[in-house]
């Protein structure tokens, strides 16, 4: 990323962009739309590098998070009717994402643990749009989200932008995000890292989780 955008990075740095947000006091993992329609081959939403990079990387991240009892949140995008989808079919095959179909189910290689993890079904690109995500994060005292998922140009981007607007820090795990087009990944990683979110390598994120006394979530009484 830095090689491709080296000249742009210099420009941004000279103007004071690209500052680090870092981690706050309490973190959660947010896996964005890692459902079969995006992670498995043969769907019109299928993204690249799933089997080779994104799923294995996310498995490592989740394993580290579970050892620290961190909250793990998953999102999927799903609709209950054509009317529920709204205007999205004007722009793509959104009718593929119907509730009750296998495409909107979280990939079983990283599936949530019933009664432990949280699954949010959203209707819009941002995980905050029309959902209770912001509310449960505040109730749990969470101020930082470590983000994985797809697509980098769509739901990941919208989510981290809204997260900042809602007052949360975000860290995007570089090896755990993807898209259907490589250029979209590179550009959005660069742009978000400069303005909205820290983009960090997987090993560095895991080292932080493992090497720090991360506050354990306690349900507010």
Foldseek 3Di string as FASTA:
>chain_A
DCVVCVVVVVVLVVVPWLDAPDADQAEAEEEEAQAQLDQPPDHPFHWPPNVPFQLVLVVVVVVLCVVLQHAYEYEFEEAADPVRLPPCVVPDDRVVRHPPDRRRAHDPSNHDDPPRYYYYYDNALAPPPPTCVLVVCVQQVHQEYEYAYDDLLTNVLNHQQVSVVSRHAYEYALRNYTGRDPVSSVVSQVVCSGHGYPYDHSVVVSCVSNVDNHDNTDRDD
